[in-house]
Amino acid sequence: MDITVYGKTTCADTIATRETLEQLGQSYTWVDLEAEPARWDEALAANGGVQRVPTVMFGDGGAALVEPTAAELRERLAAS
């Protein structure tokens, strides 16, 4: 499944999300919103226009996860 993680390198929640995906062996596309601020529109479209990270989008068209816990990520991946 295609996964895109929008976040900031300085955000503890973003770091935890990326670590969880890596521990699960799940590949993903990383979008560093500090380095690419023009891409905020993509993340904002998925989370109701609020600047919250990490925002995790799934290529299957399902709802994005915003500031997910490790358990929420595992559950979402298991369901797909």
N, C-alpha and C. Protein backbone atom coordinates (compact mmCIF):
# COMPACT_ATOMS: atom_id res chain seq x y z
N MET A 1 0.85 -1.17 0.00
CA MET A 1 0.00 0.00 0.00
C MET A 1 0.89 1.23 0.00
N ASP A 2 0.49 2.23 -0.76
CA ASP A 2 1.21 3.50 -0.77
C ASP A 2 0.82 4.30 0.47
N ILE A 3 1.83 4.75 1.20
CA ILE A 3 1.61 5.56 2.39
C ILE A 3 2.48 6.80 2.26
N THR A 4 1.90 7.93 2.62
CA THR A 4 2.66 9.18 2.66
C THR A 4 2.54 9.77 4.05
N VAL A 5 3.68 10.11 4.62
CA VAL A 5 3.73 10.73 5.95
C VAL A 5 4.15 12.18 5.78
N TYR A 6 3.28 13.08 6.20
CA TYR A 6 3.57 14.51 6.20
C TYR A 6 3.93 14.88 7.64
N GLY A 7 5.06 15.54 7.82
CA GLY A 7 5.44 15.90 9.17
C GLY A 7 6.62 16.84 9.21
N LYS A 8 7.15 16.97 10.42
CA LYS A 8 8.32 17.82 10.66
C LYS A 8 9.38 16.99 11.35
N THR A 9 10.62 17.22 10.98
CA THR A 9 11.71 16.46 11.57
C THR A 9 11.88 16.74 13.06
N THR A 10 11.36 17.88 13.52
CA THR A 10 11.50 18.28 14.93
C THR A 10 10.31 17.85 15.79
N CYS A 11 9.35 17.17 15.21
CA CYS A 11 8.12 16.79 15.92
C CYS A 11 8.24 15.38 16.50
N ALA A 12 8.08 15.26 17.81
CA ALA A 12 8.20 13.96 18.47
C ALA A 12 7.17 12.96 17.95
N ASP A 13 5.94 13.40 17.68
CA ASP A 13 4.92 12.50 17.17
C ASP A 13 5.27 12.01 15.76
N THR A 14 5.84 12.89 14.95
CA THR A 14 6.26 12.49 13.62
C THR A 14 7.37 11.45 13.70
N ILE A 15 8.33 11.68 14.57
CA ILE A 15 9.43 10.74 14.75
C ILE A 15 8.88 9.39 15.18
N ALA A 16 7.96 9.37 16.12
CA ALA A 16 7.38 8.11 16.61
C ALA A 16 6.61 7.39 15.49
N THR A 17 5.88 8.13 14.68
CA THR A 17 5.14 7.52 13.58
C THR A 17 6.08 6.88 12.58
N ARG A 18 7.11 7.59 12.21
CA ARG A 18 8.08 7.05 11.25
C ARG A 18 8.78 5.81 11.83
N GLU A 19 9.13 5.85 13.10
CA GLU A 19 9.78 4.70 13.73
C GLU A 19 8.84 3.49 13.74
N THR A 20 7.57 3.71 14.03
CA THR A 20 6.61 2.61 14.05
C THR A 20 6.49 1.98 12.67
N LEU A 21 6.36 2.79 11.64
CA LEU A 21 6.25 2.26 10.28
C LEU A 21 7.51 1.48 9.91
N GLU A 22 8.66 1.99 10.27
CA GLU A 22 9.92 1.30 9.97
C GLU A 22 10.02 -0.01 10.74
N GLN A 23 9.61 -0.03 12.00
CA GLN A 23 9.63 -1.26 12.79
C GLN A 23 8.70 -2.32 12.20
N LEU A 24 7.62 -1.86 11.59
CA LEU A 24 6.66 -2.78 10.97
C LEU A 24 7.09 -3.19 9.56
N GLY A 25 8.20 -2.64 9.09
CA GLY A 25 8.69 -2.97 7.76
C GLY A 25 7.86 -2.34 6.65
N GLN A 26 7.14 -1.28 6.98
CA GLN A 26 6.24 -0.63 6.02
C GLN A 26 6.97 0.52 5.33
N SER A 27 7.05 0.45 4.02
CA SER A 27 7.66 1.56 3.29
C SER A 27 6.66 2.72 3.20
N TYR A 28 7.17 3.91 3.04
CA TYR A 28 6.33 5.09 2.96
C TYR A 28 7.10 6.22 2.29
N THR A 29 6.37 7.19 1.80
CA THR A 29 6.96 8.40 1.24
C THR A 29 6.96 9.45 2.33
N TRP A 30 8.10 10.07 2.53
CA TRP A 30 8.26 11.08 3.58
C TRP A 30 8.19 12.47 2.97
N VAL A 31 7.33 13.33 3.52
CA VAL A 31 7.24 14.73 3.10
C VAL A 31 7.57 15.58 4.32
N ASP A 32 8.74 16.21 4.26
CA ASP A 32 9.20 17.09 5.34
C ASP A 32 8.61 18.48 5.10
N LEU A 33 7.61 18.84 5.89
CA LEU A 33 6.91 20.10 5.69
C LEU A 33 7.75 21.32 6.06
N GLU A 34 8.84 21.10 6.78
CA GLU A 34 9.77 22.21 7.06
C GLU A 34 10.59 22.51 5.81
N ALA A 35 10.96 21.48 5.09
CA ALA A 35 11.76 21.65 3.88
C ALA A 35 10.90 21.96 2.66
N GLU A 36 9.63 21.51 2.68
CA GLU A 36 8.72 21.71 1.55
C GLU A 36 7.40 22.32 2.04
N PRO A 37 7.43 23.55 2.53
CA PRO A 37 6.21 24.14 3.09
C PRO A 37 5.08 24.28 2.07
N ALA A 38 5.37 24.30 0.81
CA ALA A 38 4.32 24.41 -0.22
C ALA A 38 3.42 23.18 -0.23
N ARG A 39 3.85 22.10 0.39
CA ARG A 39 3.07 20.87 0.39
C ARG A 39 2.09 20.79 1.56
N TRP A 40 2.04 21.85 2.39
CA TRP A 40 1.09 21.88 3.50
C TRP A 40 -0.34 21.69 3.00
N ASP A 41 -0.65 22.22 1.81
CA ASP A 41 -2.01 22.10 1.28
C ASP A 41 -2.46 20.64 1.21
N GLU A 42 -1.54 19.74 0.87
CA GLU A 42 -1.88 18.32 0.79
C GLU A 42 -2.27 17.77 2.16
N ALA A 43 -1.49 18.11 3.17
CA ALA A 43 -1.78 17.64 4.52
C ALA A 43 -3.06 18.29 5.06
N LEU A 44 -3.22 19.57 4.80
CA LEU A 44 -4.40 20.28 5.29
C LEU A 44 -5.69 19.72 4.69
N ALA A 45 -5.63 19.29 3.45
CA ALA A 45 -6.82 18.73 2.80
C ALA A 45 -7.26 17.44 3.49
N ALA A 46 -6.33 16.75 4.10
CA ALA A 46 -6.65 15.47 4.75
C ALA A 46 -7.10 15.62 6.19
N ASN A 47 -6.84 16.77 6.81
CA ASN A 47 -7.16 16.89 8.24
C ASN A 47 -8.00 18.12 8.57
N GLY A 48 -8.88 18.47 7.66
CA GLY A 48 -9.83 19.53 7.95
C GLY A 48 -9.25 20.93 8.02
N GLY A 49 -8.11 21.15 7.39
CA GLY A 49 -7.54 22.48 7.34
C GLY A 49 -6.75 22.90 8.56
N VAL A 50 -6.51 21.97 9.48
CA VAL A 50 -5.77 22.29 10.70
C VAL A 50 -4.34 21.80 10.54
N GLN A 51 -3.38 22.63 10.91
CA GLN A 51 -1.97 22.24 10.81
C GLN A 51 -1.60 21.31 11.95
N ARG A 52 -1.75 20.01 11.69
CA ARG A 52 -1.40 18.99 12.69
C ARG A 52 -0.53 17.94 12.00
N VAL A 53 0.52 17.56 12.67
CA VAL A 53 1.40 16.53 12.14
C VAL A 53 1.74 15.54 13.23
N PRO A 54 2.01 14.33 12.84
CA PRO A 54 2.04 13.85 11.47
C PRO A 54 0.65 13.59 10.92
N THR A 55 0.54 13.72 9.61
CA THR A 55 -0.64 13.32 8.87
C THR A 55 -0.21 12.16 7.99
N VAL A 56 -0.88 11.04 8.12
CA VAL A 56 -0.53 9.84 7.37
C VAL A 56 -1.66 9.54 6.40
N MET A 57 -1.32 9.56 5.11
CA MET A 57 -2.31 9.30 4.07
C MET A 57 -2.04 7.93 3.46
N PHE A 58 -3.11 7.23 3.16
CA PHE A 58 -3.04 5.87 2.63
C PHE A 58 -3.54 5.85 1.19
N GLY A 59 -2.83 5.14 0.34
CA GLY A 59 -3.15 5.10 -1.08
C GLY A 59 -4.41 4.35 -1.43
N ASP A 60 -5.03 3.70 -0.46
CA ASP A 60 -6.25 2.95 -0.75
C ASP A 60 -7.49 3.83 -0.71
N GLY A 61 -7.29 5.13 -0.49
CA GLY A 61 -8.41 6.06 -0.45
C GLY A 61 -9.11 6.15 0.89
N GLY A 62 -8.64 5.40 1.88
CA GLY A 62 -9.23 5.47 3.21
C GLY A 62 -8.88 6.78 3.90
N ALA A 63 -9.51 7.00 5.01
CA ALA A 63 -9.28 8.23 5.76
C ALA A 63 -7.83 8.31 6.24
N ALA A 64 -7.32 9.51 6.25
CA ALA A 64 -5.98 9.75 6.77
C ALA A 64 -6.00 9.64 8.29
N LEU A 65 -4.84 9.32 8.85
CA LEU A 65 -4.67 9.34 10.30
C LEU A 65 -3.87 10.58 10.66
N VAL A 66 -4.33 11.30 11.67
CA VAL A 66 -3.64 12.51 12.11
C VAL A 66 -3.19 12.28 13.55
N GLU A 67 -1.89 12.49 13.75
CA GLU A 67 -1.27 12.25 15.05
C GLU A 67 -1.63 10.85 15.58
N PRO A 68 -1.41 9.81 14.77
CA PRO A 68 -1.82 8.46 15.19
C PRO A 68 -0.89 7.89 16.26
N THR A 69 -1.46 7.02 17.08
CA THR A 69 -0.65 6.24 18.01
C THR A 69 -0.10 5.04 17.25
N ALA A 70 0.86 4.36 17.85
CA ALA A 70 1.41 3.16 17.24
C ALA A 70 0.31 2.11 17.06
N ALA A 71 -0.57 1.99 18.04
CA ALA A 71 -1.66 1.03 17.95
C ALA A 71 -2.60 1.36 16.79
N GLU A 72 -2.90 2.63 16.60
CA GLU A 72 -3.77 3.04 15.49
C GLU A 72 -3.13 2.72 14.14
N LEU A 73 -1.82 2.93 14.03
CA LEU A 73 -1.13 2.60 12.79
C LEU A 73 -1.18 1.10 12.53
N ARG A 74 -0.88 0.31 13.54
CA ARG A 74 -0.91 -1.16 13.39
C ARG A 74 -2.30 -1.63 12.98
N GLU A 75 -3.32 -1.09 13.61
CA GLU A 75 -4.69 -1.48 13.32
C GLU A 75 -5.06 -1.12 11.87
N ARG A 76 -4.69 0.08 11.45
CA ARG A 76 -5.00 0.52 10.08
C ARG A 76 -4.29 -0.33 9.05
N LEU A 77 -3.04 -0.66 9.30
CA LEU A 77 -2.28 -1.48 8.36
C LEU A 77 -2.82 -2.90 8.30
N ALA A 78 -3.25 -3.43 9.44
CA ALA A 78 -3.81 -4.79 9.48
C ALA A 78 -5.13 -4.86 8.75
N ALA A 79 -5.87 -3.76 8.72
CA ALA A 79 -7.18 -3.73 8.08
C ALA A 79 -7.09 -3.64 6.55
N SER A 80 -5.91 -3.29 6.04
CA SER A 80 -5.81 -3.14 4.59
C SER A 80 -5.21 -4.34 3.92
